[in-house]
Amino acid sequence: MNEPGEKTLQQLVSHVGRYPESAYHFVREGLSYAVQRVHGPESPAQITVMRYLLRNGLDLAELRELFANGSLSAPVVAAINEAGGIDRLNRHVSGQDLCWGLRDYALQRWGRLARSVLAAWDVLETFDFGRIVFAMIDFDFMQKQPSDTIDDFRDVFDFAEAFDGCYQISFES
């Protein structure tokens, strides 16, 4: 059940009105795929610290402050140190990296039909990924870095080339 004032995905879809709920689920799943590609799998220590952040409603900046002030419990400090420090906890991906990750994730899921599936959702260019991401940010389903902008998603690649041009038929002799 949602907390009072918490927005639902259905409210987001209704508010934006352009993309179906499936497109938002795809971007959320594709974000996990892209993060894993860029940063690799999460270590047990990173998972421990992230769970602590979620449980306490904190972000990395607040964690950094608590760490600097010595206000964290010994197990949390040990997990941060084991993870390689607070900077290693930031698993941010750029808009460009996310676009390429979404492309690869779509190809993995749907193969040659990837572009058609995205088109059925009115996702026709990388800027559509940005619109979805920033709508999710506005509704607190995702977070961004201060330097992130929707323009990070503009013209990252051409859909026809990225989805249709990646297949080649090879003939074995």
Protein backbone atom coordinates (compact mmCIF):
# COMPACT_ATOMS: atom_id res chain seq x y z
CA MET A 1 0.00 0.00 0.00
CA ASN A 2 1.24 3.48 -0.81
CA GLU A 3 2.06 6.05 1.82
CA PRO A 4 -0.15 9.17 1.85
CA GLY A 5 0.98 11.54 -0.87
CA GLU A 6 2.96 8.80 -2.64
CA LYS A 7 2.24 8.65 -6.36
CA THR A 8 1.52 5.46 -8.24
CA LEU A 9 2.76 4.37 -11.63
CA GLN A 10 -0.82 4.50 -12.91
CA GLN A 11 -1.03 8.16 -11.86
CA LEU A 12 2.22 8.83 -13.69
CA VAL A 13 0.95 7.13 -16.86
CA SER A 14 -2.31 9.08 -16.65
CA HIS A 15 -0.48 12.37 -16.02
CA VAL A 16 1.94 12.01 -18.94
CA GLY A 17 -0.64 10.39 -21.20
CA ARG A 18 1.79 9.48 -23.95
CA TYR A 19 3.35 6.15 -23.06
CA PRO A 20 1.74 2.99 -21.68
CA GLU A 21 2.66 1.50 -18.33
CA SER A 22 4.70 -1.21 -20.10
CA ALA A 23 7.12 1.43 -21.39
CA TYR A 24 7.83 2.62 -17.84
CA HIS A 25 8.38 -0.95 -16.63
CA PHE A 26 10.74 -1.53 -19.55
CA VAL A 27 12.80 1.59 -18.72
CA ARG A 28 13.00 0.64 -15.05
CA GLU A 29 14.16 -2.89 -15.92
CA GLY A 30 16.50 -1.53 -18.59
CA LEU A 31 18.05 0.83 -16.05
CA SER A 32 19.06 -2.16 -13.94
CA TYR A 33 20.51 -3.79 -17.05
CA ALA A 34 22.47 -0.63 -17.97
CA VAL A 35 23.79 -0.13 -14.42
CA GLN A 36 25.01 -3.72 -14.35
CA ARG A 37 26.72 -3.26 -17.73
CA VAL A 38 28.47 -0.05 -16.69
CA HIS A 39 29.32 -0.89 -13.07
CA GLY A 40 29.13 -4.68 -12.86
CA PRO A 41 27.19 -6.61 -10.23
CA GLU A 42 26.62 -5.12 -6.80
CA SER A 43 28.82 -6.50 -4.05
CA PRO A 44 27.23 -7.78 -0.82
CA ALA A 45 28.63 -4.71 0.97
CA GLN A 46 27.03 -2.36 -1.58
CA ILE A 47 23.71 -4.15 -1.17
CA THR A 48 23.94 -3.81 2.62
CA VAL A 49 24.55 -0.06 2.40
CA MET A 50 21.80 0.46 -0.20
CA ARG A 51 19.31 -1.38 2.00
CA TYR A 52 20.34 0.88 4.87
CA LEU A 53 19.73 3.95 2.68
CA LEU A 54 16.29 2.72 1.61
CA ARG A 55 15.27 1.73 5.14
CA ASN A 56 16.23 5.16 6.45
CA GLY A 57 15.09 7.26 3.49
CA LEU A 58 18.58 8.63 2.88
CA ASP A 59 20.49 9.52 -0.27
CA LEU A 60 24.24 9.31 -0.86
CA ALA A 61 24.83 12.95 0.06
CA GLU A 62 23.16 12.42 3.45
CA LEU A 63 25.11 9.20 3.94
CA ARG A 64 28.35 11.04 3.16
CA GLU A 65 27.52 13.64 5.82
CA LEU A 66 26.66 11.01 8.44
CA PHE A 67 29.86 9.13 7.59
CA ALA A 68 31.97 12.29 7.93
CA ASN A 69 30.33 13.13 11.27
CA GLY A 70 30.91 9.64 12.65
CA SER A 71 27.15 9.20 13.11
CA LEU A 72 26.84 5.76 11.52
CA SER A 73 26.85 2.41 13.28
CA ALA A 74 29.97 0.26 13.06
CA PRO A 75 28.36 -2.34 10.74
CA VAL A 76 27.32 0.36 8.24
CA VAL A 77 30.79 1.95 8.34
CA ALA A 78 32.34 -1.49 7.81
CA ALA A 79 30.07 -2.12 4.81
CA ILE A 80 30.97 1.28 3.30
CA ASN A 81 34.66 0.56 3.74
CA GLU A 82 34.29 -2.96 2.32
CA ALA A 83 32.46 -1.50 -0.71
CA GLY A 84 35.48 0.72 -1.38
CA GLY A 85 34.13 3.95 0.10
CA ILE A 86 31.08 6.11 -0.51
CA ASP A 87 32.13 7.07 -4.03
CA ARG A 88 31.97 3.40 -5.07
CA LEU A 89 28.32 3.29 -3.98
CA ASN A 90 27.26 5.71 -6.70
CA ARG A 91 26.06 3.50 -9.55
CA HIS A 92 24.81 6.34 -11.69
CA VAL A 93 24.67 5.96 -15.47
CA SER A 94 24.54 8.81 -17.94
CA GLY A 95 21.59 9.38 -20.24
CA GLN A 96 23.70 8.16 -23.15
CA ASP A 97 24.74 4.98 -21.32
CA LEU A 98 21.12 4.37 -20.38
CA CYS A 99 19.98 4.76 -24.00
CA TRP A 100 22.54 2.24 -25.23
CA GLY A 101 21.65 -0.09 -22.36
CA LEU A 102 17.95 0.17 -23.23
CA ARG A 103 18.75 -0.59 -26.85
CA ASP A 104 20.72 -3.71 -25.92
CA TYR A 105 18.10 -4.78 -23.39
CA ALA A 106 15.34 -4.41 -25.99
CA LEU A 107 17.32 -6.45 -28.50
CA GLN A 108 17.94 -9.10 -25.88
CA ARG A 109 14.24 -9.28 -25.00
CA TRP A 110 12.62 -8.97 -28.41
CA GLY A 111 15.34 -9.43 -31.02
CA ARG A 112 14.36 -8.12 -34.43
CA LEU A 113 10.96 -7.04 -33.07
CA ALA A 114 12.50 -4.59 -30.57
CA ARG A 115 11.91 -1.48 -32.65
CA SER A 116 8.31 -2.54 -33.38
CA VAL A 117 7.57 -3.12 -29.68
CA LEU A 118 8.96 0.30 -28.77
CA ALA A 119 7.04 1.94 -31.64
CA ALA A 120 3.83 0.36 -30.35
CA TRP A 121 4.49 2.30 -27.15
CA ASP A 122 5.19 5.53 -29.11
CA VAL A 123 8.89 5.29 -28.24
CA LEU A 124 10.42 6.35 -31.53
CA GLU A 125 13.69 8.04 -30.56
CA THR A 126 16.12 8.23 -27.67
CA PHE A 127 14.51 11.47 -26.49
CA ASP A 128 11.41 9.39 -25.70
CA PHE A 129 13.55 7.43 -23.24
CA GLY A 130 14.47 10.77 -21.69
CA ARG A 131 10.84 11.84 -21.42
CA ILE A 132 10.01 8.59 -19.63
CA VAL A 133 13.01 8.87 -17.31
CA PHE A 134 12.32 12.48 -16.37
CA ALA A 135 8.63 11.76 -15.80
CA MET A 136 9.73 9.00 -13.42
CA ILE A 137 12.12 11.43 -11.73
CA ASP A 138 9.30 13.99 -11.34
CA PHE A 139 7.14 11.31 -9.70
CA ASP A 140 10.00 10.13 -7.42
CA PHE A 141 10.40 6.74 -9.10
CA MET A 142 14.01 7.55 -10.05
CA GLN A 143 16.71 9.94 -8.95
CA LYS A 144 19.06 12.10 -10.96
CA GLN A 145 22.39 13.76 -10.46
CA PRO A 146 22.41 17.59 -10.46
CA SER A 147 24.17 17.57 -13.82
CA ASP A 148 21.60 15.29 -15.52
CA THR A 149 19.29 16.90 -18.07
CA ILE A 150 16.70 15.60 -20.48
CA ASP A 151 18.96 16.78 -23.31
CA ASP A 152 21.36 13.96 -22.35
CA PHE A 153 18.88 11.73 -24.21
CA ARG A 154 18.61 13.80 -27.38
CA ASP A 155 19.80 12.08 -30.59
CA VAL A 156 21.96 9.48 -28.86
CA PHE A 157 21.38 7.14 -31.80
CA ASP A 158 19.04 6.66 -34.73
CA PHE A 159 16.46 3.95 -34.02
CA ALA A 160 16.49 2.56 -37.57
CA GLU A 161 20.27 2.14 -37.55
CA ALA A 162 20.51 0.94 -33.96
CA PHE A 163 17.74 -1.63 -34.16
CA ASP A 164 17.54 -2.64 -37.81
CA GLY A 165 21.15 -2.20 -38.84
CA CYS A 166 22.59 -4.49 -36.16
CA TYR A 167 21.48 -7.70 -37.83
CA GLN A 168 23.47 -9.38 -40.47
CA ILE A 169 22.73 -12.65 -42.14
CA SER A 170 25.84 -14.77 -42.34
CA PHE A 171 26.11 -17.64 -44.75
CA GLU A 172 28.31 -20.49 -43.70
CA SER A 173 30.08 -22.42 -46.41
